[in-house]
Amino acid sequence: MDCDAVFSPADDKTLKLLLAAAAERDAHEIAVHGYAHRIIDVAKPDFAAGPRGRRKKEVAA
């Protein structure tokens, strides 16, 4: 399903206006299309552990 609705802030350098445009888009998607974005829980990175490819594999005790 295509939709021609556009939600753009007047000034894209202002976080408040960007968040307002995103909220308008979300409200439109729910009201018109019955669609809500999935919220994905992402763990915070462990920078002390280093890049994933270089981490030492843990040995099971």
PDB file of N, CA and C in Angstrom:
ATOM      1  N   MET A   1       0.849  -1.170   0.000  1.00  0.00           N
ATOM      2  CA  MET A   1       0.000   0.000   0.000  1.00  0.00           C
ATOM      3  C   MET A   1       0.897   1.236   0.000  1.00  0.00           C
ATOM      4  N   ASP A   2       0.735   2.096  -0.978  1.00  0.00           N
ATOM      5  CA  ASP A   2       1.502   3.330  -1.044  1.00  0.00           C
ATOM      6  C   ASP A   2       0.760   4.445  -0.337  1.00  0.00           C
ATOM      7  N   CYS A   3       1.520   5.367   0.227  1.00  0.00           N
ATOM      8  CA  CYS A   3       0.936   6.508   0.923  1.00  0.00           C
ATOM      9  C   CYS A   3       1.745   7.739   0.537  1.00  0.00           C
ATOM     10  N   ASP A   4       1.048   8.799   0.181  1.00  0.00           N
ATOM     11  CA  ASP A   4       1.722  10.023  -0.243  1.00  0.00           C
ATOM     12  C   ASP A   4       1.877  11.038   0.879  1.00  0.00           C
ATOM     13  N   ALA A   5       1.485  10.686   2.099  1.00  0.00           N
ATOM     14  CA  ALA A   5       1.599  11.617   3.222  1.00  0.00           C
ATOM     15  C   ALA A   5       3.070  11.856   3.540  1.00  0.00           C
ATOM     16  N   VAL A   6       3.413  13.124   3.782  1.00  0.00           N
ATOM     17  CA  VAL A   6       4.790  13.507   4.082  1.00  0.00           C
ATOM     18  C   VAL A   6       4.792  14.301   5.381  1.00  0.00           C
ATOM     19  N   PHE A   7       5.724  13.972   6.245  1.00  0.00           N
ATOM     20  CA  PHE A   7       5.837  14.664   7.524  1.00  0.00           C
ATOM     21  C   PHE A   7       7.268  15.161   7.661  1.00  0.00           C
ATOM     22  N   SER A   8       7.453  16.449   7.414  1.00  0.00           N
ATOM     23  CA  SER A   8       8.780  17.050   7.460  1.00  0.00           C
ATOM     24  C   SER A   8       8.763  18.254   8.397  1.00  0.00           C
ATOM     25  N   PRO A   9       9.794  18.390   9.206  1.00  0.00           N
ATOM     26  CA  PRO A   9       9.860  19.561  10.076  1.00  0.00           C
ATOM     27  C   PRO A   9      10.234  20.797   9.266  1.00  0.00           C
ATOM     28  N   ALA A  10       9.805  21.965   9.740  1.00  0.00           N
ATOM     29  CA  ALA A  10      10.147  23.216   9.060  1.00  0.00           C
ATOM     30  C   ALA A  10      11.650  23.459   9.127  1.00  0.00           C
ATOM     31  N   ASP A  11      12.272  23.030  10.221  1.00  0.00           N
ATOM     32  CA  ASP A  11      13.713  23.190  10.410  1.00  0.00           C
ATOM     33  C   ASP A  11      14.258  21.860  10.909  1.00  0.00           C
ATOM     34  N   ASP A  12      15.022  21.152  10.069  1.00  0.00           N
ATOM     35  CA  ASP A  12      15.503  19.827  10.457  1.00  0.00           C
ATOM     36  C   ASP A  12      16.721  19.865  11.378  1.00  0.00           C
ATOM     37  N   LYS A  13      17.104  21.053  11.828  1.00  0.00           N
ATOM     38  CA  LYS A  13      18.215  21.165  12.760  1.00  0.00           C
ATOM     39  C   LYS A  13      17.716  21.336  14.195  1.00  0.00           C
ATOM     40  N   THR A  14      16.404  21.284  14.369  1.00  0.00           N
ATOM     41  CA  THR A  14      15.808  21.455  15.683  1.00  0.00           C
ATOM     42  C   THR A  14      15.206  20.128  16.131  1.00  0.00           C
ATOM     43  N   LEU A  15      15.734  19.563  17.194  1.00  0.00           N
ATOM     44  CA  LEU A  15      15.275  18.270  17.682  1.00  0.00           C
ATOM     45  C   LEU A  15      13.792  18.297  18.035  1.00  0.00           C
ATOM     46  N   LYS A  16      13.326  19.372  18.623  1.00  0.00           N
ATOM     47  CA  LYS A  16      11.915  19.473  19.002  1.00  0.00           C
ATOM     48  C   LYS A  16      11.008  19.320  17.777  1.00  0.00           C
ATOM     49  N   LEU A  17      11.368  19.965  16.670  1.00  0.00           N
ATOM     50  CA  LEU A  17      10.564  19.879  15.451  1.00  0.00           C
ATOM     51  C   LEU A  17      10.698  18.506  14.783  1.00  0.00           C
ATOM     52  N   LEU A  18      11.875  17.901  14.855  1.00  0.00           N
ATOM     53  CA  LEU A  18      12.050  16.551  14.311  1.00  0.00           C
ATOM     54  C   LEU A  18      11.182  15.549  15.072  1.00  0.00           C
ATOM     55  N   LEU A  19      11.177  15.658  16.399  1.00  0.00           N
ATOM     56  CA  LEU A  19      10.360  14.756  17.216  1.00  0.00           C
ATOM     57  C   LEU A  19       8.870  14.975  16.963  1.00  0.00           C
ATOM     58  N   ALA A  20       8.465  16.233  16.756  1.00  0.00           N
ATOM     59  CA  ALA A  20       7.062  16.533  16.470  1.00  0.00           C
ATOM     60  C   ALA A  20       6.641  15.922  15.133  1.00  0.00           C
ATOM     61  N   ALA A  21       7.498  16.023  14.114  1.00  0.00           N
ATOM     62  CA  ALA A  21       7.185  15.442  12.805  1.00  0.00           C
ATOM     63  C   ALA A  21       7.102  13.918  12.912  1.00  0.00           C
ATOM     64  N   ALA A  22       7.985  13.316  13.695  1.00  0.00           N
ATOM     65  CA  ALA A  22       7.950  11.864  13.885  1.00  0.00           C
ATOM     66  C   ALA A  22       6.674  11.444  14.602  1.00  0.00           C
ATOM     67  N   ALA A  23       6.243  12.232  15.576  1.00  0.00           N
ATOM     68  CA  ALA A  23       5.007  11.927  16.305  1.00  0.00           C
ATOM     69  C   ALA A  23       3.796  12.040  15.375  1.00  0.00           C
ATOM     70  N   GLU A  24       3.790  13.043  14.493  1.00  0.00           N
ATOM     71  CA  GLU A  24       2.699  13.188  13.515  1.00  0.00           C
ATOM     72  C   GLU A  24       2.674  11.983  12.569  1.00  0.00           C
ATOM     73  N   ARG A  25       3.847  11.559  12.120  1.00  0.00           N
ATOM     74  CA  ARG A  25       3.942  10.392  11.237  1.00  0.00           C
ATOM     75  C   ARG A  25       3.418   9.142  11.936  1.00  0.00           C
ATOM     76  N   ASP A  26       3.837   8.944  13.179  1.00  0.00           N
ATOM     77  CA  ASP A  26       3.387   7.774  13.935  1.00  0.00           C
ATOM     78  C   ASP A  26       1.871   7.783  14.111  1.00  0.00           C
ATOM     79  N   ALA A  27       1.303   8.947  14.449  1.00  0.00           N
ATOM     80  CA  ALA A  27      -0.144   9.053  14.634  1.00  0.00           C
ATOM     81  C   ALA A  27      -0.873   8.745  13.325  1.00  0.00           C
ATOM     82  N   HIS A  28      -0.347   9.240  12.209  1.00  0.00           N
ATOM     83  CA  HIS A  28      -0.932   8.972  10.891  1.00  0.00           C
ATOM     84  C   HIS A  28      -0.895   7.476  10.576  1.00  0.00           C
ATOM     85  N   GLU A  29       0.261   6.854  10.821  1.00  0.00           N
ATOM     86  CA  GLU A  29       0.409   5.429  10.500  1.00  0.00           C
ATOM     87  C   GLU A  29      -0.567   4.574  11.311  1.00  0.00           C
ATOM     88  N   ILE A  30      -0.780   4.930  12.561  1.00  0.00           N
ATOM     89  CA  ILE A  30      -1.719   4.175  13.401  1.00  0.00           C
ATOM     90  C   ILE A  30      -3.157   4.435  12.959  1.00  0.00           C
ATOM     91  N   ALA A  31      -3.522   5.717  12.766  1.00  0.00           N
ATOM     92  CA  ALA A  31      -4.904   6.075  12.434  1.00  0.00           C
ATOM     93  C   ALA A  31      -5.321   5.605  11.044  1.00  0.00           C
ATOM     94  N   VAL A  32      -4.448   5.783  10.064  1.00  0.00           N
ATOM     95  CA  VAL A  32      -4.817   5.500   8.672  1.00  0.00           C
ATOM     96  C   VAL A  32      -4.481   4.069   8.255  1.00  0.00           C
ATOM     97  N   HIS A  33      -3.328   3.586   8.697  1.00  0.00           N
ATOM     98  CA  HIS A  33      -2.846   2.291   8.220  1.00  0.00           C
ATOM     99  C   HIS A  33      -2.900   1.186   9.267  1.00  0.00           C
ATOM    100  N   GLY A  34      -3.217   1.553  10.523  1.00  0.00           N
ATOM    101  CA  GLY A  34      -3.249   0.549  11.591  1.00  0.00           C
ATOM    102  C   GLY A  34      -1.880  -0.054  11.857  1.00  0.00           C
ATOM    103  N   TYR A  35      -0.843   0.731  11.630  1.00  0.00           N
ATOM    104  CA  TYR A  35       0.527   0.234  11.763  1.00  0.00           C
ATOM    105  C   TYR A  35       1.238   0.950  12.894  1.00  0.00           C
ATOM    106  N   ALA A  36       1.914   0.193  13.745  1.00  0.00           N
ATOM    107  CA  ALA A  36       2.744   0.769  14.803  1.00  0.00           C
ATOM    108  C   ALA A  36       4.139   0.161  14.687  1.00  0.00           C
ATOM    109  N   HIS A  37       5.142   0.995  14.837  1.00  0.00           N
ATOM    110  CA  HIS A  37       6.521   0.521  14.772  1.00  0.00           C
ATOM    111  C   HIS A  37       6.817  -0.407  15.946  1.00  0.00           C
ATOM    112  N   ARG A  38       7.570  -1.459  15.677  1.00  0.00           N
ATOM    113  CA  ARG A  38       8.007  -2.355  16.748  1.00  0.00           C
ATOM    114  C   ARG A  38       9.113  -1.676  17.529  1.00  0.00           C
ATOM    115  N   ILE A  39       9.065  -1.783  18.819  1.00  0.00           N
ATOM    116  CA  ILE A  39      10.125  -1.245  19.662  1.00  0.00           C
ATOM    117  C   ILE A  39      11.086  -2.388  19.951  1.00  0.00           C
ATOM    118  N   ILE A  40      12.331  -2.184  19.576  1.00  0.00           N
ATOM    119  CA  ILE A  40      13.339  -3.215  19.731  1.00  0.00           C
ATOM    120  C   ILE A  40      14.228  -2.845  20.920  1.00  0.00           C
ATOM    121  N   ASP A  41      14.345  -3.757  21.866  1.00  0.00           N
ATOM    122  CA  ASP A  41      15.188  -3.535  23.028  1.00  0.00           C
ATOM    123  C   ASP A  41      16.627  -3.873  22.639  1.00  0.00           C
ATOM    124  N   VAL A  42      17.483  -2.868  22.669  1.00  0.00           N
ATOM    125  CA  VAL A  42      18.873  -3.052  22.291  1.00  0.00           C
ATOM    126  C   VAL A  42      19.739  -2.825  23.525  1.00  0.00           C
ATOM    127  N   ALA A  43      20.574  -3.808  23.837  1.00  0.00           N
ATOM    128  CA  ALA A  43      21.454  -3.689  24.996  1.00  0.00           C
ATOM    129  C   ALA A  43      22.519  -2.636  24.735  1.00  0.00           C
ATOM    130  N   LYS A  44      22.963  -2.008  25.801  1.00  0.00           N
ATOM    131  CA  LYS A  44      24.033  -1.019  25.669  1.00  0.00           C
ATOM    132  C   LYS A  44      25.334  -1.749  25.358  1.00  0.00           C
ATOM    133  N   PRO A  45      26.168  -1.163  24.510  1.00  0.00           N
ATOM    134  CA  PRO A  45      27.417  -1.829  24.154  1.00  0.00           C
ATOM    135  C   PRO A  45      28.391  -1.866  25.336  1.00  0.00           C
ATOM    136  N   ASP A  46      29.220  -2.896  25.375  1.00  0.00           N
ATOM    137  CA  ASP A  46      30.257  -3.017  26.396  1.00  0.00           C
ATOM    138  C   ASP A  46      31.580  -2.654  25.729  1.00  0.00           C
ATOM    139  N   PHE A  47      31.920  -1.371  25.766  1.00  0.00           N
ATOM    140  CA  PHE A  47      33.115  -0.903  25.077  1.00  0.00           C
ATOM    141  C   PHE A  47      34.386  -1.483  25.687  1.00  0.00           C
ATOM    142  N   ALA A  48      34.370  -1.801  26.967  1.00  0.00           N
ATOM    143  CA  ALA A  48      35.546  -2.353  27.624  1.00  0.00           C
ATOM    144  C   ALA A  48      35.880  -3.750  27.088  1.00  0.00           C
ATOM    145  N   ALA A  49      34.881  -4.466  26.573  1.00  0.00           N
ATOM    146  CA  ALA A  49      35.109  -5.814  26.057  1.00  0.00           C
ATOM    147  C   ALA A  49      35.761  -5.796  24.679  1.00  0.00           C
ATOM    148  N   GLY A  50      35.772  -4.650  24.028  1.00  0.00           N
ATOM    149  CA  GLY A  50      36.380  -4.552  22.702  1.00  0.00           C
ATOM    150  C   GLY A  50      35.419  -5.011  21.615  1.00  0.00           C
ATOM    151  N   PRO A  51      35.857  -4.942  20.361  1.00  0.00           N
ATOM    152  CA  PRO A  51      35.010  -5.362  19.246  1.00  0.00           C
ATOM    153  C   PRO A  51      34.622  -6.833  19.365  1.00  0.00           C
ATOM    154  N   ARG A  52      33.427  -7.174  18.930  1.00  0.00           N
ATOM    155  CA  ARG A  52      32.939  -8.557  19.036  1.00  0.00           C
ATOM    156  C   ARG A  52      33.877  -9.565  18.401  1.00  0.00           C
ATOM    157  N   GLY A  53      34.445  -9.240  17.275  1.00  0.00           N
ATOM    158  CA  GLY A  53      35.317 -10.171  16.572  1.00  0.00           C
ATOM    159  C   GLY A  53      36.610 -10.467  17.309  1.00  0.00           C
ATOM    160  N   ARG A  54      37.001  -9.588  18.210  1.00  0.00           N
ATOM    161  CA  ARG A  54      38.273  -9.762  18.915  1.00  0.00           C
ATOM    162  C   ARG A  54      38.103 -10.240  20.357  1.00  0.00           C
ATOM    163  N   ARG A  55      36.894 -10.378  20.812  1.00  0.00           N
ATOM    164  CA  ARG A  55      36.678 -10.804  22.190  1.00  0.00           C
ATOM    165  C   ARG A  55      37.119 -12.249  22.377  1.00  0.00           C
ATOM    166  N   LYS A  56      37.717 -12.515  23.532  1.00  0.00           N
ATOM    167  CA  LYS A  56      38.098 -13.881  23.854  1.00  0.00           C
ATOM    168  C   LYS A  56      36.837 -14.672  24.167  1.00  0.00           C
ATOM    169  N   LYS A  57      36.774 -15.858  23.653  1.00  0.00           N
ATOM    170  CA  LYS A  57      35.604 -16.699  23.904  1.00  0.00           C
ATOM    171  C   LYS A  57      35.647 -17.184  25.340  1.00  0.00           C
ATOM    172  N   GLU A  58      34.485 -17.072  25.992  1.00  0.00           N
ATOM    173  CA  GLU A  58      34.401 -17.524  27.369  1.00  0.00           C
ATOM    174  C   GLU A  58      34.376 -19.038  27.401  1.00  0.00           C
ATOM    175  N   VAL A  59      35.110 -19.603  28.335  1.00  0.00           N
ATOM    176  CA  VAL A  59      35.159 -21.057  28.477  1.00  0.00           C
ATOM    177  C   VAL A  59      34.170 -21.446  29.565  1.00  0.00           C
ATOM    178  N   ALA A  60      33.299 -22.411  29.271  1.00  0.00           N
ATOM    179  CA  ALA A  60      32.325 -22.875  30.249  1.00  0.00           C
ATOM    180  C   ALA A  60      33.049 -23.567  31.397  1.00  0.00           C
ATOM    181  N   ALA A  61      32.612 -23.276  32.630  1.00  0.00           N
ATOM    182  CA  ALA A  61      33.276 -23.840  33.804  1.00  0.00           C
ATOM    183  C   ALA A  61      32.840 -25.261  34.075  1.00  0.00           C
TER     184      ALA A  61
END
